[in-house]
Amino acid sequence: MSVSFDNSKPIYLQLMDYFFQQICNGSLIPGQKLPSVRETAVDVGVNPNTVQRTYAEMERKGIVEARRGQGSFVTDNEVVIKQLRSEISEQYITTFITYMLNNGFSEAEIIEQVKVALKKSNG
């Protein structure tokens, strides 16, 4: 597990973003068991309480299910995962568009810049 942290955001939120990314891109599939709190804490070099807070927050959001005596699992509810993907997409797109508009780009320029960036990322 490779996670690099920055000081601009709490670590538990950065860990949650990492797991959400893994779920959204299919690296973690519905019903899959998450690493234990201890394993994750050792892998990323943080306090187990931080990882526990991350898991609890993901459980509160319905993305992860805690099964007594077995650990934490990615929800197998496809609707919840689809909603997560939608929320993440909206969050990043809104941030991007706001930034671009604040820097004087027109809607047409933003669309063109996205097309160019997508073309570059596809090779």
PDB file of N, CA and C in Angstrom:
ATOM      1  N   MET A   1       0.854  -1.166   0.000  1.00  0.00           N
ATOM      2  CA  MET A   1       0.000   0.000   0.000  1.00  0.00           C
ATOM      3  C   MET A   1       0.901   1.230   0.000  1.00  0.00           C
ATOM      4  N   SER A   2       0.678   2.096  -0.957  1.00  0.00           N
ATOM      5  CA  SER A   2       1.511   3.287  -1.059  1.00  0.00           C
ATOM      6  C   SER A   2       0.630   4.526  -0.927  1.00  0.00           C
ATOM      7  N   VAL A   3       0.772   5.209   0.180  1.00  0.00           N
ATOM      8  CA  VAL A   3       0.015   6.427   0.421  1.00  0.00           C
ATOM      9  C   VAL A   3       1.002   7.489   0.892  1.00  0.00           C
ATOM     10  N   SER A   4       0.987   8.631   0.223  1.00  0.00           N
ATOM     11  CA  SER A   4       1.836   9.726   0.700  1.00  0.00           C
ATOM     12  C   SER A   4       0.917  10.796   1.278  1.00  0.00           C
ATOM     13  N   PHE A   5       1.279  11.264   2.440  1.00  0.00           N
ATOM     14  CA  PHE A   5       0.431  12.216   3.153  1.00  0.00           C
ATOM     15  C   PHE A   5       0.974  13.630   3.031  1.00  0.00           C
ATOM     16  N   ASP A   6       0.048  14.582   3.031  1.00  0.00           N
ATOM     17  CA  ASP A   6       0.461  15.982   3.115  1.00  0.00           C
ATOM     18  C   ASP A   6      -0.167  16.604   4.353  1.00  0.00           C
ATOM     19  N   ASN A   7       0.327  17.753   4.711  1.00  0.00           N
ATOM     20  CA  ASN A   7      -0.123  18.384   5.952  1.00  0.00           C
ATOM     21  C   ASN A   7      -1.383  19.224   5.801  1.00  0.00           C
ATOM     22  N   SER A   8      -1.940  19.262   4.592  1.00  0.00           N
ATOM     23  CA  SER A   8      -3.092  20.131   4.377  1.00  0.00           C
ATOM     24  C   SER A   8      -4.420  19.489   4.761  1.00  0.00           C
ATOM     25  N   LYS A   9      -4.401  18.194   5.070  1.00  0.00           N
ATOM     26  CA  LYS A   9      -5.655  17.479   5.321  1.00  0.00           C
ATOM     27  C   LYS A   9      -5.389  16.400   6.371  1.00  0.00           C
ATOM     28  N   PRO A  10      -6.338  16.141   7.253  1.00  0.00           N
ATOM     29  CA  PRO A  10      -6.137  15.095   8.259  1.00  0.00           C
ATOM     30  C   PRO A  10      -5.820  13.731   7.611  1.00  0.00           C
ATOM     31  N   ILE A  11      -4.941  12.987   8.260  1.00  0.00           N
ATOM     32  CA  ILE A  11      -4.495  11.704   7.708  1.00  0.00           C
ATOM     33  C   ILE A  11      -5.658  10.738   7.530  1.00  0.00           C
ATOM     34  N   TYR A  12      -6.596  10.710   8.487  1.00  0.00           N
ATOM     35  CA  TYR A  12      -7.697   9.752   8.343  1.00  0.00           C
ATOM     36  C   TYR A  12      -8.531  10.052   7.088  1.00  0.00           C
ATOM     37  N   LEU A  13      -8.650  11.330   6.724  1.00  0.00           N
ATOM     38  CA  LEU A  13      -9.388  11.671   5.501  1.00  0.00           C
ATOM     39  C   LEU A  13      -8.590  11.275   4.253  1.00  0.00           C
ATOM     40  N   GLN A  14      -7.269  11.423   4.316  1.00  0.00           N
ATOM     41  CA  GLN A  14      -6.432  11.022   3.191  1.00  0.00           C
ATOM     42  C   GLN A  14      -6.472   9.502   3.012  1.00  0.00           C
ATOM     43  N   LEU A  15      -6.477   8.785   4.118  1.00  0.00           N
ATOM     44  CA  LEU A  15      -6.602   7.325   4.034  1.00  0.00           C
ATOM     45  C   LEU A  15      -7.957   6.931   3.452  1.00  0.00           C
ATOM     46  N   MET A  16      -8.989   7.641   3.872  1.00  0.00           N
ATOM     47  CA  MET A  16     -10.330   7.365   3.350  1.00  0.00           C
ATOM     48  C   MET A  16     -10.359   7.628   1.843  1.00  0.00           C
ATOM     49  N   ASP A  17      -9.745   8.721   1.399  1.00  0.00           N
ATOM     50  CA  ASP A  17      -9.665   9.011  -0.038  1.00  0.00           C
ATOM     51  C   ASP A  17      -8.945   7.874  -0.771  1.00  0.00           C
ATOM     52  N   TYR A  18      -7.870   7.370  -0.160  1.00  0.00           N
ATOM     53  CA  TYR A  18      -7.122   6.273  -0.776  1.00  0.00           C
ATOM     54  C   TYR A  18      -8.035   5.040  -0.945  1.00  0.00           C
ATOM     55  N   PHE A  19      -8.749   4.668   0.109  1.00  0.00           N
ATOM     56  CA  PHE A  19      -9.618   3.494   0.010  1.00  0.00           C
ATOM     57  C   PHE A  19     -10.766   3.734  -0.976  1.00  0.00           C
ATOM     58  N   PHE A  20     -11.308   4.946  -0.985  1.00  0.00           N
ATOM     59  CA  PHE A  20     -12.381   5.248  -1.940  1.00  0.00           C
ATOM     60  C   PHE A  20     -11.869   5.118  -3.369  1.00  0.00           C
ATOM     61  N   GLN A  21     -10.644   5.574  -3.594  1.00  0.00           N
ATOM     62  CA  GLN A  21     -10.056   5.450  -4.928  1.00  0.00           C
ATOM     63  C   GLN A  21      -9.908   3.968  -5.297  1.00  0.00           C
ATOM     64  N   GLN A  22      -9.447   3.169  -4.352  1.00  0.00           N
ATOM     65  CA  GLN A  22      -9.281   1.737  -4.600  1.00  0.00           C
ATOM     66  C   GLN A  22     -10.623   1.062  -4.904  1.00  0.00           C
ATOM     67  N   ILE A  23     -11.674   1.518  -4.229  1.00  0.00           N
ATOM     68  CA  ILE A  23     -13.006   0.960  -4.463  1.00  0.00           C
ATOM     69  C   ILE A  23     -13.536   1.418  -5.818  1.00  0.00           C
ATOM     70  N   CYS A  24     -13.382   2.687  -6.126  1.00  0.00           N
ATOM     71  CA  CYS A  24     -13.907   3.231  -7.381  1.00  0.00           C
ATOM     72  C   CYS A  24     -13.200   2.675  -8.604  1.00  0.00           C
ATOM     73  N   ASN A  25     -11.895   2.411  -8.490  1.00  0.00           N
ATOM     74  CA  ASN A  25     -11.191   1.896  -9.671  1.00  0.00           C
ATOM     75  C   ASN A  25     -11.187   0.369  -9.742  1.00  0.00           C
ATOM     76  N   GLY A  26     -11.847  -0.264  -8.781  1.00  0.00           N
ATOM     77  CA  GLY A  26     -11.997  -1.718  -8.837  1.00  0.00           C
ATOM     78  C   GLY A  26     -10.853  -2.504  -8.226  1.00  0.00           C
ATOM     79  N   SER A  27      -9.869  -1.812  -7.641  1.00  0.00           N
ATOM     80  CA  SER A  27      -8.789  -2.534  -6.959  1.00  0.00           C
ATOM     81  C   SER A  27      -9.322  -3.253  -5.725  1.00  0.00           C
ATOM     82  N   LEU A  28     -10.306  -2.641  -5.088  1.00  0.00           N
ATOM     83  CA  LEU A  28     -11.045  -3.303  -4.004  1.00  0.00           C
ATOM     84  C   LEU A  28     -12.459  -3.537  -4.532  1.00  0.00           C
ATOM     85  N   ILE A  29     -12.869  -4.776  -4.561  1.00  0.00           N
ATOM     86  CA  ILE A  29     -14.170  -5.106  -5.147  1.00  0.00           C
ATOM     87  C   ILE A  29     -15.239  -5.259  -4.063  1.00  0.00           C
ATOM     88  N   PRO A  30     -16.513  -5.127  -4.439  1.00  0.00           N
ATOM     89  CA  PRO A  30     -17.593  -5.293  -3.460  1.00  0.00           C
ATOM     90  C   PRO A  30     -17.470  -6.622  -2.723  1.00  0.00           C
ATOM     91  N   GLY A  31     -17.608  -6.550  -1.407  1.00  0.00           N
ATOM     92  CA  GLY A  31     -17.534  -7.736  -0.569  1.00  0.00           C
ATOM     93  C   GLY A  31     -16.127  -8.124  -0.148  1.00  0.00           C
ATOM     94  N   GLN A  32     -15.121  -7.447  -0.678  1.00  0.00           N
ATOM     95  CA  GLN A  32     -13.735  -7.787  -0.346  1.00  0.00           C
ATOM     96  C   GLN A  32     -13.373  -7.296   1.046  1.00  0.00           C
ATOM     97  N   LYS A  33     -12.604  -8.096   1.744  1.00  0.00           N
ATOM     98  CA  LYS A  33     -12.161  -7.733   3.089  1.00  0.00           C
ATOM     99  C   LYS A  33     -11.035  -6.713   3.002  1.00  0.00           C
ATOM    100  N   LEU A  34     -11.131  -5.683   3.849  1.00  0.00           N
ATOM    101  CA  LEU A  34     -10.062  -4.697   3.939  1.00  0.00           C
ATOM    102  C   LEU A  34      -8.950  -5.270   4.812  1.00  0.00           C
ATOM    103  N   PRO A  35      -7.728  -4.777   4.620  1.00  0.00           N
ATOM    104  CA  PRO A  35      -6.665  -5.195   5.534  1.00  0.00           C
ATOM    105  C   PRO A  35      -7.062  -4.832   6.965  1.00  0.00           C
ATOM    106  N   SER A  36      -6.530  -5.565   7.916  1.00  0.00           N
ATOM    107  CA  SER A  36      -6.859  -5.245   9.312  1.00  0.00           C
ATOM    108  C   SER A  36      -6.347  -3.847   9.659  1.00  0.00           C
ATOM    109  N   VAL A  37      -6.883  -3.311  10.727  1.00  0.00           N
ATOM    110  CA  VAL A  37      -6.452  -1.994  11.181  1.00  0.00           C
ATOM    111  C   VAL A  37      -4.947  -2.001  11.436  1.00  0.00           C
ATOM    112  N   ARG A  38      -4.484  -3.041  12.083  1.00  0.00           N
ATOM    113  CA  ARG A  38      -3.055  -3.138  12.412  1.00  0.00           C
ATOM    114  C   ARG A  38      -2.201  -3.227  11.147  1.00  0.00           C
ATOM    115  N   GLU A  39      -2.615  -4.061  10.192  1.00  0.00           N
ATOM    116  CA  GLU A  39      -1.859  -4.191   8.930  1.00  0.00           C
ATOM    117  C   GLU A  39      -1.760  -2.849   8.211  1.00  0.00           C
ATOM    118  N   THR A  40      -2.894  -2.164   8.123  1.00  0.00           N
ATOM    119  CA  THR A  40      -2.907  -0.876   7.432  1.00  0.00           C
ATOM    120  C   THR A  40      -2.022   0.132   8.157  1.00  0.00           C
ATOM    121  N   ALA A  41      -2.119   0.154   9.490  1.00  0.00           N
ATOM    122  CA  ALA A  41      -1.319   1.097  10.274  1.00  0.00           C
ATOM    123  C   ALA A  41       0.174   0.871  10.034  1.00  0.00           C
ATOM    124  N   VAL A  42       0.586  -0.388  10.018  1.00  0.00           N
ATOM    125  CA  VAL A  42       2.000  -0.703   9.792  1.00  0.00           C
ATOM    126  C   VAL A  42       2.391  -0.349   8.354  1.00  0.00           C
ATOM    127  N   ASP A  43       1.537  -0.710   7.387  1.00  0.00           N
ATOM    128  CA  ASP A  43       1.843  -0.446   5.969  1.00  0.00           C
ATOM    129  C   ASP A  43       2.051   1.037   5.681  1.00  0.00           C
ATOM    130  N   VAL A  44       1.201   1.880   6.243  1.00  0.00           N
ATOM    131  CA  VAL A  44       1.282   3.308   5.915  1.00  0.00           C
ATOM    132  C   VAL A  44       1.999   4.126   6.981  1.00  0.00           C
ATOM    133  N   GLY A  45       2.361   3.492   8.099  1.00  0.00           N
ATOM    134  CA  GLY A  45       3.138   4.183   9.123  1.00  0.00           C
ATOM    135  C   GLY A  45       2.364   5.192   9.932  1.00  0.00           C
ATOM    136  N   VAL A  46       1.124   4.833  10.276  1.00  0.00           N
ATOM    137  CA  VAL A  46       0.328   5.727  11.117  1.00  0.00           C
ATOM    138  C   VAL A  46      -0.163   4.980  12.348  1.00  0.00           C
ATOM    139  N   ASN A  47      -0.702   5.721  13.286  1.00  0.00           N
ATOM    140  CA  ASN A  47      -1.244   5.148  14.506  1.00  0.00           C
ATOM    141  C   ASN A  47      -2.486   4.300  14.178  1.00  0.00           C
ATOM    142  N   PRO A  48      -2.616   3.120  14.793  1.00  0.00           N
ATOM    143  CA  PRO A  48      -3.815   2.303  14.549  1.00  0.00           C
ATOM    144  C   PRO A  48      -5.127   3.035  14.842  1.00  0.00           C
ATOM    145  N   ASN A  49      -5.107   3.964  15.800  1.00  0.00           N
ATOM    146  CA  ASN A  49      -6.323   4.738  16.086  1.00  0.00           C
ATOM    147  C   ASN A  49      -6.757   5.573  14.882  1.00  0.00           C
ATOM    148  N   THR A  50      -5.783   6.041  14.109  1.00  0.00           N
ATOM    149  CA  THR A  50      -6.088   6.810  12.898  1.00  0.00           C
ATOM    150  C   THR A  50      -6.771   5.915  11.877  1.00  0.00           C
ATOM    151  N   VAL A  51      -6.256   4.712  11.713  1.00  0.00           N
ATOM    152  CA  VAL A  51      -6.860   3.772  10.769  1.00  0.00           C
ATOM    153  C   VAL A  51      -8.260   3.375  11.244  1.00  0.00           C
ATOM    154  N   GLN A  52      -8.395   3.158  12.545  1.00  0.00           N
ATOM    155  CA  GLN A  52      -9.709   2.809  13.102  1.00  0.00           C
ATOM    156  C   GLN A  52     -10.715   3.928  12.821  1.00  0.00           C
ATOM    157  N   ARG A  53     -10.269   5.163  12.945  1.00  0.00           N
ATOM    158  CA  ARG A  53     -11.159   6.307  12.664  1.00  0.00           C
ATOM    159  C   ARG A  53     -11.552   6.311  11.182  1.00  0.00           C
ATOM    160  N   THR A  54     -10.596   5.992  10.323  1.00  0.00           N
ATOM    161  CA  THR A  54     -10.877   5.919   8.883  1.00  0.00           C
ATOM    162  C   THR A  54     -11.935   4.856   8.604  1.00  0.00           C
ATOM    163  N   TYR A  55     -11.736   3.674   9.159  1.00  0.00           N
ATOM    164  CA  TYR A  55     -12.687   2.582   8.928  1.00  0.00           C
ATOM    165  C   TYR A  55     -14.070   2.940   9.489  1.00  0.00           C
ATOM    166  N   ALA A  56     -14.090   3.560  10.666  1.00  0.00           N
ATOM    167  CA  ALA A  56     -15.372   3.933  11.278  1.00  0.00           C
ATOM    168  C   ALA A  56     -16.103   4.956  10.410  1.00  0.00           C
ATOM    169  N   GLU A  57     -15.361   5.910   9.851  1.00  0.00           N
ATOM    170  CA  GLU A  57     -15.980   6.929   9.001  1.00  0.00           C
ATOM    171  C   GLU A  57     -16.513   6.303   7.706  1.00  0.00           C
ATOM    172  N   MET A  58     -15.756   5.378   7.142  1.00  0.00           N
ATOM    173  CA  MET A  58     -16.227   4.711   5.922  1.00  0.00           C
ATOM    174  C   MET A  58     -17.458   3.862   6.227  1.00  0.00           C
ATOM    175  N   GLU A  59     -17.487   3.276   7.417  1.00  0.00           N
ATOM    176  CA  GLU A  59     -18.659   2.494   7.831  1.00  0.00           C
ATOM    177  C   GLU A  59     -19.867   3.412   8.011  1.00  0.00           C
ATOM    178  N   ARG A  60     -19.633   4.576   8.613  1.00  0.00           N
ATOM    179  CA  ARG A  60     -20.724   5.547   8.819  1.00  0.00           C
ATOM    180  C   ARG A  60     -21.326   5.981   7.485  1.00  0.00           C
ATOM    181  N   LYS A  61     -20.471   6.071   6.454  1.00  0.00           N
ATOM    182  CA  LYS A  61     -20.937   6.467   5.125  1.00  0.00           C
ATOM    183  C   LYS A  61     -21.557   5.302   4.359  1.00  0.00           C
ATOM    184  N   GLY A  62     -21.477   4.106   4.922  1.00  0.00           N
ATOM    185  CA  GLY A  62     -22.093   2.943   4.283  1.00  0.00           C
ATOM    186  C   GLY A  62     -21.231   2.297   3.213  1.00  0.00           C
ATOM    187  N   ILE A  63     -19.975   2.711   3.102  1.00  0.00           N
ATOM    188  CA  ILE A  63     -19.079   2.167   2.084  1.00  0.00           C
ATOM    189  C   ILE A  63     -18.435   0.879   2.566  1.00  0.00           C
ATOM    190  N   VAL A  64     -18.286   0.754   3.865  1.00  0.00           N
ATOM    191  CA  VAL A  64     -17.649  -0.408   4.479  1.00  0.00           C
ATOM    192  C   VAL A  64     -18.604  -0.990   5.514  1.00  0.00           C
ATOM    193  N   GLU A  65     -18.584  -2.308   5.617  1.00  0.00           N
ATOM    194  CA  GLU A  65     -19.403  -2.988   6.620  1.00  0.00           C
ATOM    195  C   GLU A  65     -18.480  -3.726   7.578  1.00  0.00           C
ATOM    196  N   ALA A  66     -18.676  -3.490   8.868  1.00  0.00           N
ATOM    197  CA  ALA A  66     -17.908  -4.226   9.876  1.00  0.00           C
ATOM    198  C   ALA A  66     -18.671  -5.500  10.199  1.00  0.00           C
ATOM    199  N   ARG A  67     -17.983  -6.619  10.102  1.00  0.00           N
ATOM    200  CA  ARG A  67     -18.598  -7.900  10.458  1.00  0.00           C
ATOM    201  C   ARG A  67     -17.925  -8.399  11.717  1.00  0.00           C
ATOM    202  N   ARG A  68     -18.751  -8.612  12.709  1.00  0.00           N
ATOM    203  CA  ARG A  68     -18.247  -8.979  14.029  1.00  0.00           C
ATOM    204  C   ARG A  68     -17.289 -10.176  13.964  1.00  0.00           C
ATOM    205  N   GLY A  69     -16.093  -9.954  14.466  1.00  0.00           N
ATOM    206  CA  GLY A  69     -15.095 -11.011  14.532  1.00  0.00           C
ATOM    207  C   GLY A  69     -14.416 -11.344  13.215  1.00  0.00           C
ATOM    208  N   GLN A  70     -14.817 -10.661  12.131  1.00  0.00           N
ATOM    209  CA  GLN A  70     -14.245 -10.983  10.823  1.00  0.00           C
ATOM    210  C   GLN A  70     -13.469  -9.819  10.218  1.00  0.00           C
ATOM    211  N   GLY A  71     -13.808  -8.596  10.593  1.00  0.00           N
ATOM    212  CA  GLY A  71     -13.116  -7.435  10.052  1.00  0.00           C
ATOM    213  C   GLY A  71     -14.054  -6.525   9.294  1.00  0.00           C
ATOM    214  N   SER A  72     -13.466  -5.710   8.446  1.00  0.00           N
ATOM    215  CA  SER A  72     -14.238  -4.733   7.659  1.00  0.00           C
ATOM    216  C   SER A  72     -14.211  -5.134   6.189  1.00  0.00           C
ATOM    217  N   PHE A  73     -15.358  -4.979   5.548  1.00  0.00           N
ATOM    218  CA  PHE A  73     -15.523  -5.395   4.152  1.00  0.00           C
ATOM    219  C   PHE A  73     -16.116  -4.257   3.332  1.00  0.00           C
ATOM    220  N   VAL A  74     -15.717  -4.191   2.072  1.00  0.00           N
ATOM    221  CA  VAL A  74     -16.319  -3.240   1.152  1.00  0.00           C
ATOM    222  C   VAL A  74     -17.782  -3.657   0.974  1.00  0.00           C
ATOM    223  N   THR A  75     -18.670  -2.687   1.008  1.00  0.00           N
ATOM    224  CA  THR A  75     -20.078  -3.017   0.822  1.00  0.00           C
ATOM    225  C   THR A  75     -20.291  -3.727  -0.510  1.00  0.00           C
ATOM    226  N   ASP A  76     -21.221  -4.626  -0.524  1.00  0.00           N
ATOM    227  CA  ASP A  76     -21.543  -5.281  -1.800  1.00  0.00           C
ATOM    228  C   ASP A  76     -22.778  -4.644  -2.442  1.00  0.00           C
ATOM    229  N   ASN A  77     -23.169  -3.489  -1.900  1.00  0.00           N
ATOM    230  CA  ASN A  77     -24.285  -2.730  -2.448  1.00  0.00           C
ATOM    231  C   ASN A  77     -23.769  -1.861  -3.604  1.00  0.00           C
ATOM    232  N   GLU A  78     -24.072  -2.283  -4.817  1.00  0.00           N
ATOM    233  CA  GLU A  78     -23.581  -1.580  -6.013  1.00  0.00           C
ATOM    234  C   GLU A  78     -24.115  -0.149  -6.100  1.00  0.00           C
ATOM    235  N   VAL A  79     -25.310   0.078  -5.586  1.00  0.00           N
ATOM    236  CA  VAL A  79     -25.896   1.426  -5.619  1.00  0.00           C
ATOM    237  C   VAL A  79     -25.045   2.377  -4.772  1.00  0.00           C
ATOM    238  N   VAL A  80     -24.606   1.917  -3.612  1.00  0.00           N
ATOM    239  CA  VAL A  80     -23.783   2.750  -2.726  1.00  0.00           C
ATOM    240  C   VAL A  80     -22.449   3.068  -3.401  1.00  0.00           C
ATOM    241  N   ILE A  81     -21.866   2.086  -4.049  1.00  0.00           N
ATOM    242  CA  ILE A  81     -20.582   2.312  -4.724  1.00  0.00           C
ATOM    243  C   ILE A  81     -20.763   3.259  -5.914  1.00  0.00           C
ATOM    244  N   LYS A  82     -21.849   3.085  -6.645  1.00  0.00           N
ATOM    245  CA  LYS A  82     -22.127   3.987  -7.763  1.00  0.00           C
ATOM    246  C   LYS A  82     -22.318   5.418  -7.259  1.00  0.00           C
ATOM    247  N   GLN A  83     -23.001   5.565  -6.143  1.00  0.00           N
ATOM    248  CA  GLN A  83     -23.205   6.886  -5.548  1.00  0.00           C
ATOM    249  C   GLN A  83     -21.870   7.488  -5.107  1.00  0.00           C
ATOM    250  N   LEU A  84     -20.990   6.668  -4.544  1.00  0.00           N
ATOM    251  CA  LEU A  84     -19.666   7.138  -4.136  1.00  0.00           C
ATOM    252  C   LEU A  84     -18.903   7.671  -5.341  1.00  0.00           C
ATOM    253  N   ARG A  85     -18.909   6.909  -6.431  1.00  0.00           N
ATOM    254  CA  ARG A  85     -18.222   7.341  -7.649  1.00  0.00           C
ATOM    255  C   ARG A  85     -18.783   8.675  -8.143  1.00  0.00           C
ATOM    256  N   SER A  86     -20.096   8.814  -8.106  1.00  0.00           N
ATOM    257  CA  SER A  86     -20.746  10.036  -8.550  1.00  0.00           C
ATOM    258  C   SER A  86     -20.346  11.226  -7.670  1.00  0.00           C
ATOM    259  N   GLU A  87     -20.341  11.022  -6.361  1.00  0.00           N
ATOM    260  CA  GLU A  87     -19.981  12.098  -5.427  1.00  0.00           C
ATOM    261  C   GLU A  87     -18.531  12.545  -5.625  1.00  0.00           C
ATOM    262  N   ILE A  88     -17.630  11.584  -5.811  1.00  0.00           N
ATOM    263  CA  ILE A  88     -16.213  11.921  -6.009  1.00  0.00           C
ATOM    264  C   ILE A  88     -16.051  12.675  -7.321  1.00  0.00           C
ATOM    265  N   SER A  89     -16.702  12.207  -8.367  1.00  0.00           N
ATOM    266  CA  SER A  89     -16.633  12.869  -9.662  1.00  0.00           C
ATOM    267  C   SER A  89     -17.127  14.304  -9.557  1.00  0.00           C
ATOM    268  N   GLU A  90     -18.277  14.489  -8.952  1.00  0.00           N
ATOM    269  CA  GLU A  90     -18.845  15.829  -8.817  1.00  0.00           C
ATOM    270  C   GLU A  90     -17.925  16.743  -8.017  1.00  0.00           C
ATOM    271  N   GLN A  91     -17.351  16.215  -6.948  1.00  0.00           N
ATOM    272  CA  GLN A  91     -16.460  17.012  -6.094  1.00  0.00           C
ATOM    273  C   GLN A  91     -15.253  17.520  -6.888  1.00  0.00           C
ATOM    274  N   TYR A  92     -14.583  16.623  -7.613  1.00  0.00           N
ATOM    275  CA  TYR A  92     -13.384  17.029  -8.342  1.00  0.00           C
ATOM    276  C   TYR A  92     -13.716  17.923  -9.538  1.00  0.00           C
ATOM    277  N   ILE A  93     -14.789  17.610 -10.232  1.00  0.00           N
ATOM    278  CA  ILE A  93     -15.160  18.432 -11.387  1.00  0.00           C
ATOM    279  C   ILE A  93     -15.547  19.839 -10.937  1.00  0.00           C
ATOM    280  N   THR A  94     -16.298  19.949  -9.860  1.00  0.00           N
ATOM    281  CA  THR A  94     -16.685  21.261  -9.350  1.00  0.00           C
ATOM    282  C   THR A  94     -15.451  22.070  -8.947  1.00  0.00           C
ATOM    283  N   THR A  95     -14.524  21.430  -8.262  1.00  0.00           N
ATOM    284  CA  THR A  95     -13.291  22.107  -7.857  1.00  0.00           C
ATOM    285  C   THR A  95     -12.516  22.573  -9.080  1.00  0.00           C
ATOM    286  N   PHE A  96     -12.386  21.701 -10.077  1.00  0.00           N
ATOM    287  CA  PHE A  96     -11.652  22.025 -11.296  1.00  0.00           C
ATOM    288  C   PHE A  96     -12.305  23.188 -12.039  1.00  0.00           C
ATOM    289  N   ILE A  97     -13.600  23.096 -12.245  1.00  0.00           N
ATOM    290  CA  ILE A  97     -14.303  24.142 -12.998  1.00  0.00           C
ATOM    291  C   ILE A  97     -14.222  25.480 -12.269  1.00  0.00           C
ATOM    292  N   THR A  98     -14.409  25.468 -10.976  1.00  0.00           N
ATOM    293  CA  THR A  98     -14.307  26.702 -10.200  1.00  0.00           C
ATOM    294  C   THR A  98     -12.921  27.314 -10.344  1.00  0.00           C
ATOM    295  N   TYR A  99     -11.893  26.489 -10.239  1.00  0.00           N
ATOM    296  CA  TYR A  99     -10.517  26.974 -10.382  1.00  0.00           C
ATOM    297  C   TYR A  99     -10.302  27.577 -11.761  1.00  0.00           C
ATOM    298  N   MET A 100     -10.731  26.886 -12.786  1.00  0.00           N
ATOM    299  CA  MET A 100     -10.538  27.364 -14.158  1.00  0.00           C
ATOM    300  C   MET A 100     -11.311  28.668 -14.394  1.00  0.00           C
ATOM    301  N   LEU A 101     -12.562  28.735 -13.955  1.00  0.00           N
ATOM    302  CA  LEU A 101     -13.348  29.959 -14.132  1.00  0.00           C
ATOM    303  C   LEU A 101     -12.723  31.122 -13.377  1.00  0.00           C
ATOM    304  N   ASN A 102     -12.222  30.855 -12.174  1.00  0.00           N
ATOM    305  CA  ASN A 102     -11.576  31.913 -11.387  1.00  0.00           C
ATOM    306  C   ASN A 102     -10.291  32.410 -12.038  1.00  0.00           C
ATOM    307  N   ASN A 103      -9.722  31.593 -12.928  1.00  0.00           N
ATOM    308  CA  ASN A 103      -8.503  31.987 -13.636  1.00  0.00           C
ATOM    309  C   ASN A 103      -8.799  32.491 -15.037  1.00  0.00           C
ATOM    310  N   GLY A 104     -10.055  32.801 -15.305  1.00  0.00           N
ATOM    311  CA  GLY A 104     -10.426  33.477 -16.531  1.00  0.00           C
ATOM    312  C   GLY A 104     -10.685  32.606 -17.742  1.00  0.00           C
ATOM    313  N   PHE A 105     -10.727  31.297 -17.579  1.00  0.00           N
ATOM    314  CA  PHE A 105     -11.008  30.430 -18.716  1.00  0.00           C
ATOM    315  C   PHE A 105     -12.503  30.443 -19.022  1.00  0.00           C
ATOM    316  N   SER A 106     -12.819  30.458 -20.306  1.00  0.00           N
ATOM    317  CA  SER A 106     -14.223  30.364 -20.707  1.00  0.00           C
ATOM    318  C   SER A 106     -14.643  28.891 -20.692  1.00  0.00           C
ATOM    319  N   GLU A 107     -15.942  28.670 -20.811  1.00  0.00           N
ATOM    320  CA  GLU A 107     -16.449  27.297 -20.850  1.00  0.00           C
ATOM    321  C   GLU A 107     -15.835  26.535 -22.030  1.00  0.00           C
ATOM    322  N   ALA A 108     -15.772  27.190 -23.193  1.00  0.00           N
ATOM    323  CA  ALA A 108     -15.192  26.539 -24.373  1.00  0.00           C
ATOM    324  C   ALA A 108     -13.717  26.207 -24.160  1.00  0.00           C
ATOM    325  N   GLU A 109     -12.988  27.123 -23.525  1.00  0.00           N
ATOM    326  CA  GLU A 109     -11.561  26.867 -23.252  1.00  0.00           C
ATOM    327  C   GLU A 109     -11.387  25.709 -22.268  1.00  0.00           C
ATOM    328  N   ILE A 110     -12.255  25.646 -21.274  1.00  0.00           N
ATOM    329  CA  ILE A 110     -12.175  24.556 -20.300  1.00  0.00           C
ATOM    330  C   ILE A 110     -12.406  23.218 -21.002  1.00  0.00           C
ATOM    331  N   ILE A 111     -13.433  23.173 -21.827  1.00  0.00           N
ATOM    332  CA  ILE A 111     -13.733  21.934 -22.553  1.00  0.00           C
ATOM    333  C   ILE A 111     -12.550  21.545 -23.443  1.00  0.00           C
ATOM    334  N   GLU A 112     -11.968  22.527 -24.128  1.00  0.00           N
ATOM    335  CA  GLU A 112     -10.822  22.249 -24.994  1.00  0.00           C
ATOM    336  C   GLU A 112      -9.629  21.737 -24.186  1.00  0.00           C
ATOM    337  N   GLN A 113      -9.382  22.356 -23.033  1.00  0.00           N
ATOM    338  CA  GLN A 113      -8.269  21.922 -22.184  1.00  0.00           C
ATOM    339  C   GLN A 113      -8.476  20.492 -21.681  1.00  0.00           C
ATOM    340  N   VAL A 114      -9.716  20.161 -21.365  1.00  0.00           N
ATOM    341  CA  VAL A 114     -10.010  18.791 -20.918  1.00  0.00           C
ATOM    342  C   VAL A 114      -9.763  17.815 -22.056  1.00  0.00           C
ATOM    343  N   LYS A 115     -10.199  18.159 -23.261  1.00  0.00           N
ATOM    344  CA  LYS A 115      -9.976  17.280 -24.412  1.00  0.00           C
ATOM    345  C   LYS A 115      -8.490  17.052 -24.647  1.00  0.00           C
ATOM    346  N   VAL A 116      -7.712  18.128 -24.579  1.00  0.00           N
ATOM    347  CA  VAL A 116      -6.260  18.020 -24.792  1.00  0.00           C
ATOM    348  C   VAL A 116      -5.639  17.127 -23.707  1.00  0.00           C
ATOM    349  N   ALA A 117      -6.038  17.349 -22.467  1.00  0.00           N
ATOM    350  CA  ALA A 117      -5.481  16.561 -21.366  1.00  0.00           C
ATOM    351  C   ALA A 117      -5.853  15.087 -21.500  1.00  0.00           C
ATOM    352  N   LEU A 118      -7.106  14.808 -21.893  1.00  0.00           N
ATOM    353  CA  LEU A 118      -7.521  13.419 -22.080  1.00  0.00           C
ATOM    354  C   LEU A 118      -6.737  12.760 -23.205  1.00  0.00           C
ATOM    355  N   LYS A 119      -6.518  13.512 -24.287  1.00  0.00           N
ATOM    356  CA  LYS A 119      -5.766  12.975 -25.416  1.00  0.00           C
ATOM    357  C   LYS A 119      -4.336  12.638 -24.989  1.00  0.00           C
ATOM    358  N   LYS A 120      -3.724  13.523 -24.196  1.00  0.00           N
ATOM    359  CA  LYS A 120      -2.367  13.280 -23.706  1.00  0.00           C
ATOM    360  C   LYS A 120      -2.320  12.062 -22.782  1.00  0.00           C
ATOM    361  N   SER A 121      -3.335  11.921 -21.937  1.00  0.00           N
ATOM    362  CA  SER A 121      -3.323  10.811 -20.970  1.00  0.00           C
ATOM    363  C   SER A 121      -3.574   9.461 -21.637  1.00  0.00           C
ATOM    364  N   ASN A 122      -4.179   9.491 -22.807  1.00  0.00           N
ATOM    365  CA  ASN A 122      -4.434   8.230 -23.518  1.00  0.00           C
ATOM    366  C   ASN A 122      -3.264   7.828 -24.415  1.00  0.00           C
ATOM    367  N   GLY A 123      -2.227   8.590 -24.366  1.00  0.00           N
ATOM    368  CA  GLY A 123      -1.035   8.173 -25.106  1.00  0.00           C
ATOM    369  C   GLY A 123      -0.769   9.038 -26.235  1.00  0.00           C
TER     370      GLY A 123
END
